[in-house]
Protein backbone atom coordinates (compact mmCIF):
# COMPACT_ATOMS: atom_id res chain seq x y z
CA MET A 1 51.92 18.50 -48.58
CA LYS A 2 48.17 19.10 -49.28
CA ARG A 3 46.23 16.27 -50.84
CA SER A 4 43.93 16.76 -53.66
CA PHE A 5 40.19 16.23 -53.49
CA ALA A 6 40.49 13.41 -55.94
CA ASP A 7 43.02 11.62 -53.80
CA ILE A 8 40.71 12.03 -50.76
CA LEU A 9 37.75 10.53 -52.84
CA GLN A 10 40.03 7.61 -53.98
CA ASP A 11 40.84 6.80 -50.33
CA LEU A 12 37.18 6.84 -49.38
CA ASP A 13 36.27 4.62 -52.34
CA GLY A 14 39.11 2.24 -51.40
CA GLU A 15 37.78 2.06 -47.74
CA ARG A 16 34.23 1.33 -48.95
CA ALA A 17 35.55 -1.39 -51.14
CA ARG A 18 37.50 -3.05 -48.27
CA LYS A 19 34.53 -2.72 -46.07
CA LEU A 20 32.26 -4.31 -48.78
CA ALA A 21 34.79 -7.20 -49.10
CA ARG A 22 34.67 -7.73 -45.27
CA LYS A 23 30.96 -7.45 -44.78
CA LEU A 24 29.54 -8.86 -48.10
CA PRO A 25 32.24 -10.89 -49.90
CA GLU A 26 29.75 -12.40 -52.37
CA TRP A 27 28.60 -8.89 -53.38
CA ALA A 28 32.19 -7.67 -53.67
CA ALA A 29 33.09 -10.60 -55.87
CA ALA A 30 30.03 -9.83 -58.18
CA GLY A 31 31.08 -6.18 -58.45
CA ALA A 32 27.97 -4.93 -56.80
CA GLU A 33 27.36 -1.24 -56.70
CA ILE A 34 26.96 0.63 -53.39
CA PRO A 35 24.90 3.85 -53.74
CA SER A 36 26.14 5.38 -50.47
CA ALA A 37 28.31 4.71 -47.50
CA LEU A 38 25.24 4.85 -45.30
CA SER A 39 23.47 2.08 -47.11
CA LEU A 40 26.54 -0.13 -46.59
CA GLU A 41 26.78 0.80 -43.03
CA GLN A 42 23.12 0.03 -42.27
CA CYS A 43 22.73 -3.22 -44.25
CA SER A 44 23.01 -6.73 -42.77
CA SER A 45 26.30 -8.57 -43.23
CA SER A 46 26.35 -11.79 -45.36
CA ALA A 47 26.50 -13.85 -42.12
CA THR A 48 23.54 -12.19 -40.38
CA ALA A 49 21.52 -12.22 -43.59
CA ARG A 50 22.12 -16.00 -44.03
CA TYR A 51 21.14 -16.46 -40.37
CA LYS A 52 17.69 -14.97 -41.15
CA SER A 53 17.43 -17.02 -44.38
CA ALA A 54 18.20 -20.24 -42.36
CA LEU A 55 15.15 -19.55 -40.29
CA ILE A 56 13.03 -20.72 -43.25
CA SER A 57 15.45 -23.44 -44.71
CA SER A 58 16.60 -25.62 -41.81
CA PRO A 59 15.14 -29.18 -41.90
CA GLU A 60 12.76 -29.97 -39.02
CA PRO A 61 11.29 -33.08 -37.70
CA ALA A 62 7.57 -33.79 -38.17
CA ALA A 63 5.26 -31.92 -35.81
CA THR A 64 4.04 -33.70 -32.66
CA ALA A 65 0.31 -33.89 -31.78
CA SER A 66 0.62 -31.06 -29.35
CA GLU A 67 2.00 -28.69 -31.95
CA ASN A 68 -0.08 -26.30 -34.06
CA ARG A 69 0.61 -27.74 -37.55
CA SER A 70 -1.16 -24.88 -39.29
CA HIS A 71 0.99 -22.15 -37.78
CA PRO A 72 4.56 -21.61 -39.02
CA ARG A 73 5.99 -21.00 -35.59
CA LEU A 74 9.57 -22.00 -34.67
CA ARG A 75 9.34 -25.33 -33.01
CA LYS A 76 11.68 -26.51 -30.30
CA ARG A 77 14.61 -28.58 -31.46
CA GLU A 78 15.54 -31.03 -28.80
CA GLY A 79 19.31 -30.96 -28.40
CA PRO A 80 21.83 -31.59 -25.70
CA ALA A 81 20.73 -31.23 -22.10
CA ASP A 82 22.68 -28.00 -21.74
CA GLY A 83 20.43 -26.22 -24.25
CA VAL A 84 23.22 -25.59 -26.79
CA SER A 85 22.51 -26.59 -30.42
CA GLY A 86 25.39 -26.93 -32.84
CA ARG A 87 22.88 -26.23 -35.66
CA GLY A 88 21.61 -22.96 -36.91
CA PRO A 89 18.35 -21.35 -36.04
CA LYS A 90 15.04 -23.38 -36.54
CA ASP A 91 12.92 -23.03 -39.58
CA VAL A 92 9.72 -20.98 -39.78
CA PHE A 93 7.72 -23.21 -42.02
CA GLY A 94 7.69 -26.31 -39.85
CA GLY A 95 9.91 -28.37 -42.14
CA SER A 96 8.13 -27.95 -45.56
CA SER A 97 7.80 -24.89 -47.67
CA PRO A 98 4.44 -23.97 -49.14
CA PRO A 99 3.67 -25.40 -52.64
CA GLY A 100 5.75 -23.56 -55.35
CA GLY A 101 8.08 -22.19 -52.58
CA ALA A 102 7.50 -19.51 -49.96
CA ARG A 103 6.77 -16.00 -50.79
CA ILE A 104 8.52 -13.45 -48.59
CA LEU A 105 7.93 -9.69 -48.45
CA ASP A 106 10.86 -7.48 -47.39
CA LEU A 107 9.19 -4.15 -46.39
CA THR A 108 12.41 -2.25 -45.83
CA GLY A 109 14.66 -3.47 -48.69
CA GLY A 110 17.58 -0.99 -48.35
CA LEU A 111 20.70 -2.28 -50.11
CA GLY A 112 18.85 -5.56 -50.68
CA VAL A 113 21.14 -7.96 -48.73
CA ASP A 114 18.36 -9.61 -46.72
CA SER A 115 16.18 -9.96 -49.84
CA TRP A 116 19.06 -11.57 -51.61
CA ALA A 117 19.56 -14.06 -48.79
CA PHE A 118 15.85 -14.82 -48.66
CA SER A 119 15.82 -15.42 -52.44
CA GLN A 120 18.14 -18.34 -52.08
CA VAL A 121 15.69 -20.26 -49.99
CA ALA A 122 12.26 -18.98 -51.09
CA GLY A 123 10.25 -19.22 -54.27
CA GLN A 124 9.68 -15.51 -54.52
CA VAL A 125 10.76 -12.34 -52.68
CA VAL A 126 9.08 -8.94 -53.01
CA TYR A 127 11.49 -6.06 -52.12
CA PHE A 128 9.90 -2.77 -51.04
CA GLU A 129 12.07 0.38 -50.72
CA ARG A 130 11.05 4.09 -50.59
CA ASP A 131 14.34 5.39 -51.99
CA ALA A 132 14.34 5.27 -55.80
CA ALA A 133 18.15 5.24 -56.14
CA LEU A 134 18.52 2.33 -53.66
CA CYS A 135 15.75 0.43 -55.67
CA ALA A 136 17.55 1.02 -59.01
CA ALA A 137 20.91 -0.13 -57.55
CA ALA A 138 19.29 -3.19 -55.83
CA GLU A 139 17.61 -4.30 -59.13
CA ARG A 140 21.02 -4.12 -60.93
CA ASN A 141 22.72 -5.99 -58.06
CA PHE A 142 20.21 -8.69 -57.93
CA ALA A 143 20.79 -9.29 -61.64
CA ARG A 144 24.56 -9.40 -60.98
CA LEU A 145 24.06 -11.95 -58.16
CA GLY A 146 21.77 -14.15 -60.16
CA ALA A 147 18.77 -13.49 -57.93
CA GLY A 148 16.01 -13.63 -60.58
CA ASN A 149 13.13 -14.34 -58.16
CA ILE A 150 13.07 -10.88 -56.49
CA THR A 151 10.48 -8.29 -57.57
CA VAL A 152 11.42 -4.67 -56.76
CA ARG A 153 8.76 -2.23 -55.75
CA ASN A 154 9.72 1.51 -55.13
CA GLU A 155 7.08 2.11 -52.48
CA THR A 156 6.68 3.21 -48.82
CA VAL A 157 4.64 0.66 -47.02
CA THR A 158 1.70 2.20 -45.11
CA PRO A 159 -1.58 0.82 -43.71
CA GLU A 160 -3.11 1.69 -47.12
CA THR A 161 -0.51 -0.40 -49.10
CA LYS A 162 -2.02 -3.34 -51.01
CA LEU A 163 0.31 -6.12 -49.98
CA PRO A 164 0.15 -9.60 -51.65
CA GLU A 165 -0.55 -12.63 -49.50
CA ALA A 166 2.70 -14.06 -48.15
CA ASP A 167 4.18 -16.70 -46.04
CA LEU A 168 6.62 -14.46 -44.16
CA ILE A 169 6.90 -10.68 -43.91
CA TYR A 170 10.21 -9.21 -42.88
CA ALA A 171 10.93 -5.59 -41.78
CA ASP A 172 13.96 -3.71 -40.54
CA PRO A 173 12.46 -0.33 -39.52
CA ALA A 174 14.64 2.72 -39.79
CA ARG A 175 15.83 3.73 -36.25
CA ARG A 176 16.50 7.41 -37.03
CA SER A 177 14.03 10.35 -36.91
CA ALA A 178 13.64 12.79 -39.75
CA THR A 179 16.39 14.96 -38.13
CA GLY A 180 18.74 12.03 -37.93
CA ARG A 181 18.40 11.38 -34.21
CA LYS A 182 18.52 7.69 -33.15
CA VAL A 183 15.28 6.41 -31.87
CA PHE A 184 14.52 3.12 -29.91
CA LEU A 185 10.81 2.92 -29.34
CA LEU A 186 8.97 0.82 -31.90
CA GLU A 187 6.39 3.45 -32.67
CA ASP A 188 9.13 6.07 -33.41
CA CYS A 189 10.77 3.88 -36.13
CA THR A 190 9.84 4.08 -39.84
CA PRO A 191 7.60 2.33 -40.66
CA ASP A 192 5.62 2.22 -37.37
CA ILE A 193 5.50 -1.47 -36.86
CA LEU A 194 2.96 -1.41 -34.10
CA THR A 195 0.47 0.28 -36.35
CA LEU A 196 1.15 -2.01 -39.32
CA LEU A 197 1.35 -5.21 -37.32
CA PRO A 198 -2.35 -6.23 -37.44
CA MET A 199 -2.43 -5.77 -41.25
CA LEU A 200 0.87 -7.69 -41.65
CA LEU A 201 -0.49 -10.64 -39.65
CA GLU A 202 -3.50 -10.71 -41.89
CA LYS A 203 -1.33 -10.93 -45.00
CA ALA A 204 1.09 -13.57 -43.50
CA PRO A 205 1.09 -16.09 -40.69
CA ALA A 206 4.57 -14.98 -39.59
CA VAL A 207 6.35 -11.66 -39.27
CA LEU A 208 10.09 -11.32 -38.61
CA LEU A 209 11.34 -7.95 -37.32
CA LYS A 210 14.94 -6.72 -36.95
CA LEU A 211 15.20 -4.19 -34.21
CA SER A 212 17.88 -2.14 -32.46
CA PRO A 213 20.44 -4.18 -30.57
CA MET A 214 19.97 -1.64 -27.81
CA ALA A 215 16.23 -2.43 -27.39
CA ASP A 216 15.14 -3.77 -24.05
CA LEU A 217 13.82 -7.32 -24.21
CA SER A 218 11.32 -6.89 -21.44
CA MET A 219 9.85 -3.84 -23.28
CA LEU A 220 9.63 -5.92 -26.53
CA ARG A 221 7.80 -8.73 -24.71
CA GLU A 222 5.36 -6.23 -23.28
CA ARG A 223 4.85 -4.21 -26.42
CA LEU A 224 4.61 -7.07 -28.89
CA GLY A 225 2.36 -9.20 -26.63
CA PRO A 226 1.32 -12.79 -27.23
CA ALA A 227 2.05 -12.62 -30.93
CA LEU A 228 5.75 -12.71 -30.04
CA ARG A 229 7.12 -16.31 -30.47
CA GLU A 230 10.86 -15.93 -30.36
CA ILE A 231 13.65 -13.38 -29.76
CA HIS A 232 16.94 -14.04 -31.42
CA VAL A 233 19.98 -12.20 -30.02
CA VAL A 234 22.66 -12.53 -32.71
CA GLU A 235 26.40 -11.91 -32.10
CA LEU A 236 29.13 -11.61 -34.65
CA ASP A 237 32.75 -10.78 -34.04
CA GLY A 238 32.21 -10.15 -30.33
CA GLU A 239 29.34 -7.71 -30.76
CA VAL A 240 25.57 -8.00 -30.66
CA LYS A 241 24.70 -7.22 -34.28
CA GLU A 242 21.01 -8.00 -34.46
CA LEU A 243 17.90 -8.46 -32.40
CA LEU A 244 15.23 -10.42 -34.23
CA CYS A 245 11.62 -10.94 -33.20
CA LEU A 246 9.52 -13.61 -34.72
CA LEU A 247 5.79 -13.05 -34.44
CA GLY A 248 2.88 -15.36 -35.24
CA ARG A 249 -0.81 -14.77 -36.21
CA THR A 250 -2.24 -17.05 -33.47
CA PRO A 251 -1.52 -15.76 -29.87
CA SER A 252 0.90 -17.92 -28.08
CA PRO A 253 0.03 -19.55 -24.68
CA VAL A 254 3.61 -19.58 -23.62
CA GLU A 255 6.16 -16.93 -23.22
CA PRO A 256 8.70 -16.43 -26.13
CA GLU A 257 11.76 -18.46 -26.43
CA ILE A 258 15.14 -16.65 -26.47
CA ALA A 259 17.81 -17.82 -28.85
CA VAL A 260 21.31 -16.58 -28.11
CA THR A 261 23.56 -17.10 -31.19
CA ARG A 262 27.19 -16.62 -31.67
CA LEU A 263 27.89 -16.73 -35.34
CA PRO A 264 28.87 -19.11 -36.69
CA GLU A 265 29.12 -21.60 -33.81
CA ALA A 266 25.99 -22.35 -31.95
CA THR A 267 22.62 -21.36 -30.38
CA PHE A 268 21.67 -21.47 -26.73
CA ARG A 269 17.86 -21.40 -26.16
CA PHE A 270 15.98 -20.67 -23.00
CA ARG A 271 12.80 -18.90 -21.72
CA MET A 272 12.75 -16.31 -19.00
CA THR A 273 10.74 -18.49 -16.72
CA GLU A 274 13.90 -20.79 -16.58
CA GLU A 275 16.07 -17.86 -15.69
CA ARG A 276 13.72 -16.72 -12.98
CA GLU A 277 13.55 -20.19 -11.42
CA ALA A 278 17.25 -20.92 -11.74
CA GLU A 279 19.20 -20.61 -8.45
CA ALA A 280 22.59 -19.10 -8.67
CA VAL A 281 25.51 -20.89 -6.94
CA PHE A 282 27.82 -18.37 -5.50
CA ALA A 283 31.54 -18.89 -5.11
CA ALA A 284 33.04 -18.64 -1.56
CA GLY A 285 36.02 -16.76 -3.01
CA VAL A 286 38.51 -16.76 -5.82
CA GLN A 287 41.82 -18.48 -5.70
CA PRO A 288 44.90 -18.10 -8.05
CA GLY A 289 44.86 -20.84 -10.77
CA GLU A 290 41.13 -20.90 -11.08
CA LEU A 291 39.40 -20.22 -14.43
CA LEU A 292 37.26 -17.14 -14.61
CA LEU A 293 34.43 -17.03 -17.29
CA GLU A 294 33.28 -13.82 -18.92
CA PRO A 295 29.94 -14.21 -20.68
CA CYS A 296 29.78 -13.22 -24.35
CA PRO A 297 27.80 -9.95 -25.05
CA ALA A 298 24.78 -11.81 -26.54
CA LEU A 299 24.38 -13.91 -23.34
CA LEU A 300 24.39 -10.82 -21.14
CA LYS A 301 22.04 -8.95 -23.44
CA ALA A 302 19.58 -11.90 -23.35
CA GLY A 303 19.50 -11.72 -19.53
CA ALA A 304 20.75 -15.31 -18.78
CA PHE A 305 22.54 -14.51 -15.39
CA ASN A 306 21.54 -17.33 -13.14
CA LEU A 307 20.84 -20.04 -15.70
CA PRO A 308 24.59 -20.70 -16.51
CA CYS A 309 24.95 -22.01 -12.97
CA LYS A 310 22.24 -24.60 -13.69
CA ARG A 311 23.06 -25.43 -17.29
CA TRP A 312 26.83 -25.61 -17.09
CA GLY A 313 27.50 -26.12 -13.31
CA LEU A 314 29.24 -22.67 -12.93
CA ARG A 315 29.77 -20.72 -9.66
CA LYS A 316 28.88 -17.04 -9.92
CA LEU A 317 31.00 -14.30 -8.13
CA ALA A 318 27.98 -12.29 -6.72
CA PRO A 319 24.30 -11.56 -7.51
CA SER A 320 25.09 -8.56 -9.68
CA THR A 321 28.57 -9.63 -10.78
CA HIS A 322 28.08 -11.60 -13.92
CA LEU A 323 31.36 -13.44 -13.91
CA TYR A 324 31.71 -17.12 -13.14
CA LEU A 325 34.23 -19.76 -11.98
CA ALA A 326 34.36 -23.18 -13.59
CA PRO A 327 36.55 -26.26 -13.41
CA ASP A 328 37.25 -26.13 -17.18
CA SER A 329 36.72 -23.79 -20.16
CA GLY A 330 33.25 -22.38 -20.55
CA GLY A 331 32.80 -23.20 -24.05
CA LEU A 332 31.33 -21.09 -26.92
CA PHE A 333 29.40 -18.48 -24.75
CA PHE A 334 32.34 -17.52 -22.56
CA LYS A 335 35.79 -16.09 -22.69
CA THR A 336 37.98 -17.97 -20.28
CA TRP A 337 40.74 -16.45 -18.24
CA ARG A 338 43.06 -17.96 -15.73
CA VAL A 339 43.43 -16.13 -12.45
CA LEU A 340 46.96 -15.14 -11.58
CA GLU A 341 46.43 -13.11 -8.41
CA VAL A 342 43.61 -11.86 -6.26
CA LEU A 343 44.32 -8.35 -4.63
CA PRO A 344 42.10 -6.32 -2.35
CA PHE A 345 40.50 -3.32 -4.11
CA GLY A 346 42.24 -0.07 -3.16
CA ALA A 347 45.12 2.38 -3.76
CA ALA A 348 47.91 -0.01 -2.66
CA ALA A 349 46.73 -2.56 -5.09
CA PHE A 350 46.51 0.11 -7.80
CA ARG A 351 50.14 0.96 -7.21
CA GLN A 352 51.23 -2.65 -7.27
CA VAL A 353 49.32 -3.25 -10.50
CA LYS A 354 50.89 -0.33 -12.22
CA GLN A 355 54.37 -1.58 -11.27
CA ARG A 356 53.92 -5.26 -12.07
CA TRP A 357 51.42 -5.03 -14.97
CA PRO A 358 51.94 -1.66 -16.69
CA ARG A 359 50.23 -2.94 -19.78
CA ALA A 360 46.75 -4.61 -19.26
CA GLU A 361 43.09 -4.31 -20.13
CA VAL A 362 40.82 -3.29 -17.25
CA THR A 363 37.10 -4.14 -16.71
CA ALA A 364 34.98 -2.99 -13.81
CA ARG A 365 31.91 -5.09 -12.91
CA ASN A 366 29.35 -4.29 -10.17
CA LEU A 367 31.32 -1.25 -8.93
CA PRO A 368 30.37 2.49 -8.90
CA LEU A 369 33.02 3.46 -11.46
CA GLY A 370 33.47 2.43 -15.07
CA SER A 371 36.20 0.48 -16.68
CA ALA A 372 37.85 3.52 -18.39
CA GLU A 373 37.96 5.55 -15.18
CA LEU A 374 39.40 2.61 -13.18
CA GLN A 375 42.13 2.11 -15.92
CA LYS A 376 42.97 5.73 -15.62
CA LYS A 377 43.23 5.57 -11.87
CA MET A 378 45.53 2.51 -12.00
CA GLY A 379 47.71 4.23 -14.61
CA VAL A 380 48.05 1.06 -16.84
CA THR A 381 48.22 1.20 -20.57
CA PRO A 382 45.63 -0.72 -22.52
CA GLY A 383 46.71 -3.87 -24.37
CA GLY A 384 48.72 -7.04 -23.75
CA ASP A 385 47.59 -10.47 -22.60
CA THR A 386 46.83 -9.46 -19.04
CA HIS A 387 43.28 -8.56 -18.10
CA ILE A 388 42.36 -7.18 -14.64
CA PHE A 389 38.83 -7.55 -13.42
CA ALA A 390 37.65 -5.27 -10.69
CA CYS A 391 34.51 -6.57 -9.13
CA ARG A 392 32.49 -7.42 -6.00
CA LEU A 393 32.30 -10.80 -4.49
CA ALA A 394 29.27 -12.59 -2.83
CA ASP A 395 30.54 -11.56 0.63
CA GLY A 396 30.41 -7.87 -0.44
CA SER A 397 34.20 -7.38 -0.65
CA ALA A 398 35.71 -5.69 -3.75
CA VAL A 399 38.81 -7.28 -5.40
CA LEU A 400 41.09 -7.06 -8.30
CA LEU A 401 41.39 -10.27 -10.26
CA VAL A 402 44.61 -10.28 -12.32
CA THR A 403 44.14 -12.86 -15.19
CA GLU A 404 45.67 -13.96 -18.47
């Protein structure tokens, strides 16, 4: 039976409502209007927006003599020796907001979720958006949500734009070209942040950028230079959702700190110098009954490969096999598996796996074939509690690790 166009539209509206409730429960409860599915798809979630707003609201101890008190950089919070903090991100303003509250400019307002989150911790937020329909919807939504300290400006920010002085400028450049193709280079995004950056840092002592989760961190450090203070790799529901770069007006004499955050649990901070200087401890082999630790996506994205051995006392399987062994659970930044069997990699083991574990997930690490291809070769059906890791060990041998 053919369905009517009205029925199809009703299903689409229902799916949009469910997605809004999952992603922005406060907005759903307030009856917010969503101008388009794309605006909902591209906006921050409540959780990631609140993470950014926490950057300017977390309490901070008084600055030490060695710290630049005039610059709102993110200062190091001393936490446990393993570098894990149970608290959220550190504040931008060094513990005290400017008189009358901070003024924040959101140059790429979109649906307005980030502006809304900022408005809860700042004195004033100025929302810029080039799309008139989005501006109108955002203004009505801000009223529904009780965010009366947001000024809406229907403008495209360019080097000629007259921006007010601010304490923080935030931008989430559009990562699609005029033809809809995805772009990753900073200069290909809209607006071109590299061109705007000198002007932005004249108007505000701190700039916060949201960039593609696919962006290369080494490239960002090179392109953004000594203005880059911190990189935040933010993971939610097992996926890297946001890559945030905090920049400061005064050039930094040290390399940027990297904050790996799994919402809502904790943040792990390090600098790449620590990773380069850390010596990996390699496991002599893998035995049934041992615990295998799989790093979370954010930790892998951040490039902390050897540092876990030093910070948490782990043993790595091989230089390019980013899996670890530990005496107990790896904690917040790892998924833990118990090794059931260790089999030599090859056709005989594939047949054995298919017979004994016909339903299992398969992951290939440090091998010339991908996970999907290997799963097909084995002939096992995805699913179940069994997970098979195919990987290379420190002695160069390839194995199948059957885990649960």
